Amino acid sequence: MAWSLQNDPAAMLAKSPLAQSELSQLEPRNAHSASRGIIIELAGNLVIFIICTLVCLNIFAIAQSDLEKSRAVSELGLTSMNLVENWQAGSDLAELSQRFGGIIENDTLVLYFDRSYQQVTDISQARYRLEFSVDQQTRGYSAGQISLSQVDGQQLLQWSVGRVLLDEPRP
């Protein structure tokens, strides 16, 4: 028995005028509906991606700022410790100014540093300010104050230091 197109149900359905009209009405609707859904989904994904990118960039900017401040505290903290150790060994502000290259303003030794933590004398190039002052001297003891701040006034670090004066009698 030979197979013919007349016995094929798919071929018969395709030739049917009713089936052709139903197919022609369904296909364009499904194609437009599917492509519209994909475009909406892609747009939604793009919006979510952009929001996540902005949040991540904000986090990286905050982290960079914190990293810069922590480097300043570390690098300039070492300089300040050297300064204090020299003072505790008996140097006065004039000797410290000469040794560390700072200037004395109102009985306070001031050192200026740029963005890369190199000491500068031009205040317009300065980003950080390190101050050291001797607050009080009592019998056998001297107290000082050291502070690290940005030139704009934001204080990063401050602490008090002291030294025992060996040439003066203690109570």
Protein backbone atom coordinates (compact mmCIF):
# COMPACT_ATOMS: atom_id res chain seq x y z
CA MET A 1 0.00 0.00 0.00
CA ALA A 2 1.47 3.33 -1.01
CA TRP A 3 1.45 6.30 1.25
CA SER A 4 0.00 9.46 -0.19
CA LEU A 5 -0.57 13.01 0.94
CA GLN A 6 -4.26 12.26 1.11
CA ASN A 7 -3.71 9.81 3.99
CA ASP A 8 -1.40 12.21 5.94
CA PRO A 9 -3.45 13.98 8.67
CA ALA A 10 -0.95 16.86 9.00
CA ALA A 11 -1.05 17.52 5.30
CA MET A 12 -4.82 17.39 5.34
CA LEU A 13 -4.98 19.82 8.28
CA ALA A 14 -2.61 22.23 6.55
CA LYS A 15 -4.81 22.25 3.45
CA SER A 16 -7.93 22.91 5.49
CA PRO A 17 -9.11 26.56 5.15
CA LEU A 18 -10.22 26.64 8.81
CA ALA A 19 -6.83 25.43 10.05
CA GLN A 20 -4.98 27.96 7.89
CA SER A 21 -7.02 30.88 9.23
CA GLU A 22 -6.52 29.77 12.84
CA LEU A 23 -2.78 29.37 12.33
CA SER A 24 -2.46 32.76 10.68
CA GLN A 25 -4.28 34.44 13.58
CA LEU A 26 -2.31 32.68 16.32
CA GLU A 27 1.21 33.00 14.99
CA PRO A 28 1.54 36.80 14.91
CA ARG A 29 0.00 37.21 18.36
CA ASN A 30 2.34 34.67 19.93
CA ALA A 31 5.39 36.11 18.15
CA HIS A 32 4.65 39.70 19.29
CA SER A 33 3.75 38.61 22.79
CA ALA A 34 6.92 36.53 23.19
CA SER A 35 9.24 39.24 21.84
CA ARG A 36 7.57 41.89 24.01
CA GLY A 37 8.06 39.70 27.08
CA ILE A 38 11.74 39.15 26.27
CA ILE A 39 12.29 42.89 25.80
CA ILE A 40 10.62 43.68 29.14
CA GLU A 41 12.68 41.01 30.87
CA LEU A 42 15.92 42.34 29.33
CA ALA A 43 15.04 45.91 30.33
CA GLY A 44 14.33 44.76 33.89
CA ASN A 45 17.64 42.90 34.03
CA LEU A 46 19.44 45.97 32.70
CA VAL A 47 17.89 48.19 35.39
CA ILE A 48 18.87 45.73 38.13
CA PHE A 49 22.41 45.51 36.72
CA ILE A 50 22.76 49.31 36.66
CA ILE A 51 21.53 49.63 40.26
CA CYS A 52 23.96 46.93 41.43
CA THR A 53 26.81 48.63 39.56
CA LEU A 54 26.08 51.97 41.21
CA VAL A 55 25.95 50.39 44.67
CA CYS A 56 29.28 48.62 44.05
CA LEU A 57 30.94 51.80 42.78
CA ASN A 58 29.76 53.65 45.90
CA ILE A 59 31.18 50.90 48.12
CA PHE A 60 34.53 51.04 46.27
CA ALA A 61 34.67 54.83 46.65
CA ILE A 62 34.07 54.57 50.40
CA ALA A 63 36.69 51.83 50.69
CA GLN A 64 39.23 53.93 48.79
CA SER A 65 38.65 56.88 51.11
CA ASP A 66 39.05 54.68 54.19
CA LEU A 67 42.18 53.12 52.72
CA GLU A 68 43.73 56.54 52.16
CA LYS A 69 43.00 57.60 55.74
CA SER A 70 44.41 54.38 57.15
CA ARG A 71 47.60 54.77 55.09
CA ALA A 72 47.97 58.32 56.38
CA VAL A 73 47.57 57.15 59.96
CA SER A 74 50.12 54.36 59.44
CA GLU A 75 52.77 56.34 57.56
CA LEU A 76 52.47 59.53 59.55
CA GLY A 77 52.01 57.60 62.78
CA LEU A 78 55.54 56.26 62.35
CA THR A 79 56.87 59.79 61.86
CA SER A 80 55.02 60.97 64.94
CA MET A 81 56.42 58.09 67.02
CA ASN A 82 59.95 59.03 65.93
CA LEU A 83 59.21 62.62 66.89
CA VAL A 84 57.93 61.61 70.33
CA GLU A 85 60.85 59.26 70.94
CA ASN A 86 63.29 62.07 70.18
CA TRP A 87 61.38 64.38 72.52
CA GLN A 88 61.35 61.74 75.26
CA ALA A 89 65.10 61.35 74.82
CA GLY A 90 65.51 65.01 75.80
CA SER A 91 65.12 67.14 72.66
CA ASP A 92 63.19 70.39 72.90
CA LEU A 93 60.88 71.86 70.21
CA ALA A 94 63.71 73.84 68.54
CA GLU A 95 65.87 70.71 68.21
CA LEU A 96 62.90 68.70 66.92
CA SER A 97 62.11 71.41 64.40
CA GLN A 98 65.66 71.35 63.12
CA ARG A 99 65.83 67.53 63.03
CA PHE A 100 62.41 66.93 61.42
CA GLY A 101 62.19 70.08 59.30
CA GLY A 102 59.02 71.46 60.85
CA ILE A 103 58.03 74.98 61.82
CA ILE A 104 57.10 76.25 65.27
CA GLU A 105 53.74 78.06 65.51
CA ASN A 106 52.52 79.20 68.96
CA ASP A 107 54.76 76.76 70.89
CA THR A 108 53.63 73.91 68.61
CA LEU A 109 55.84 72.02 66.18
CA VAL A 110 53.98 71.63 62.87
CA LEU A 111 54.93 69.31 60.02
CA TYR A 112 53.08 69.25 56.67
CA PHE A 113 52.81 66.24 54.35
CA ASP A 114 51.47 65.82 50.83
CA ARG A 115 49.16 63.13 49.44
CA SER A 116 52.05 60.64 49.12
CA TYR A 117 53.10 61.27 52.76
CA GLN A 118 56.24 63.18 51.82
CA GLN A 119 57.05 66.17 53.97
CA VAL A 120 56.47 69.53 52.27
CA THR A 121 57.13 73.12 53.28
CA ASP A 122 54.58 74.68 50.91
CA ILE A 123 51.25 74.61 52.74
CA SER A 124 49.32 74.79 49.44
CA GLN A 125 50.70 71.33 48.54
CA ALA A 126 49.97 69.88 51.98
CA ARG A 127 47.22 67.34 52.65
CA TYR A 128 48.10 66.33 56.22
CA ARG A 129 49.21 68.29 59.28
CA LEU A 130 51.11 66.77 62.20
CA GLU A 131 51.23 68.89 65.37
CA PHE A 132 53.27 68.37 68.51
CA SER A 133 53.05 70.59 71.56
CA VAL A 134 54.36 70.41 75.09
CA ASP A 135 51.41 71.15 77.35
CA GLN A 136 52.85 71.23 80.82
CA GLN A 137 55.96 70.64 82.82
CA THR A 138 55.63 69.78 86.46
CA ARG A 139 58.15 68.51 88.93
CA GLY A 140 60.01 65.72 87.19
CA TYR A 141 57.40 65.19 84.46
CA SER A 142 56.55 66.78 81.12
CA ALA A 143 53.33 66.13 79.13
CA GLY A 144 52.79 66.67 75.43
CA GLN A 145 50.06 66.36 72.85
CA ILE A 146 50.41 65.04 69.29
CA SER A 147 47.70 65.15 66.64
CA LEU A 148 47.37 64.17 63.02
CA SER A 149 44.74 65.86 60.88
CA GLN A 150 43.94 66.67 57.31
CA VAL A 151 44.67 70.25 56.29
CA ASP A 152 40.91 70.88 55.96
CA GLY A 153 40.61 70.29 59.71
CA GLN A 154 39.34 66.70 59.92
CA GLN A 155 41.23 65.12 62.80
CA LEU A 156 42.49 61.59 62.18
CA LEU A 157 44.41 60.81 65.35
CA GLN A 158 45.35 62.42 68.66
CA TRP A 159 47.09 61.22 71.79
CA SER A 160 48.93 62.44 74.84
CA VAL A 161 52.54 61.61 75.60
CA GLY A 162 54.82 62.17 78.54
CA ARG A 163 58.42 62.01 79.60
CA VAL A 164 60.27 61.88 82.86
CA LEU A 165 62.71 64.72 83.37
CA LEU A 166 65.83 63.21 84.82
CA ASP A 167 67.54 66.46 85.72
CA GLU A 168 64.65 67.68 87.93
CA PRO A 169 63.76 66.27 91.34
CA ARG A 170 60.68 64.08 91.53
CA PRO A 171 58.11 64.31 94.32
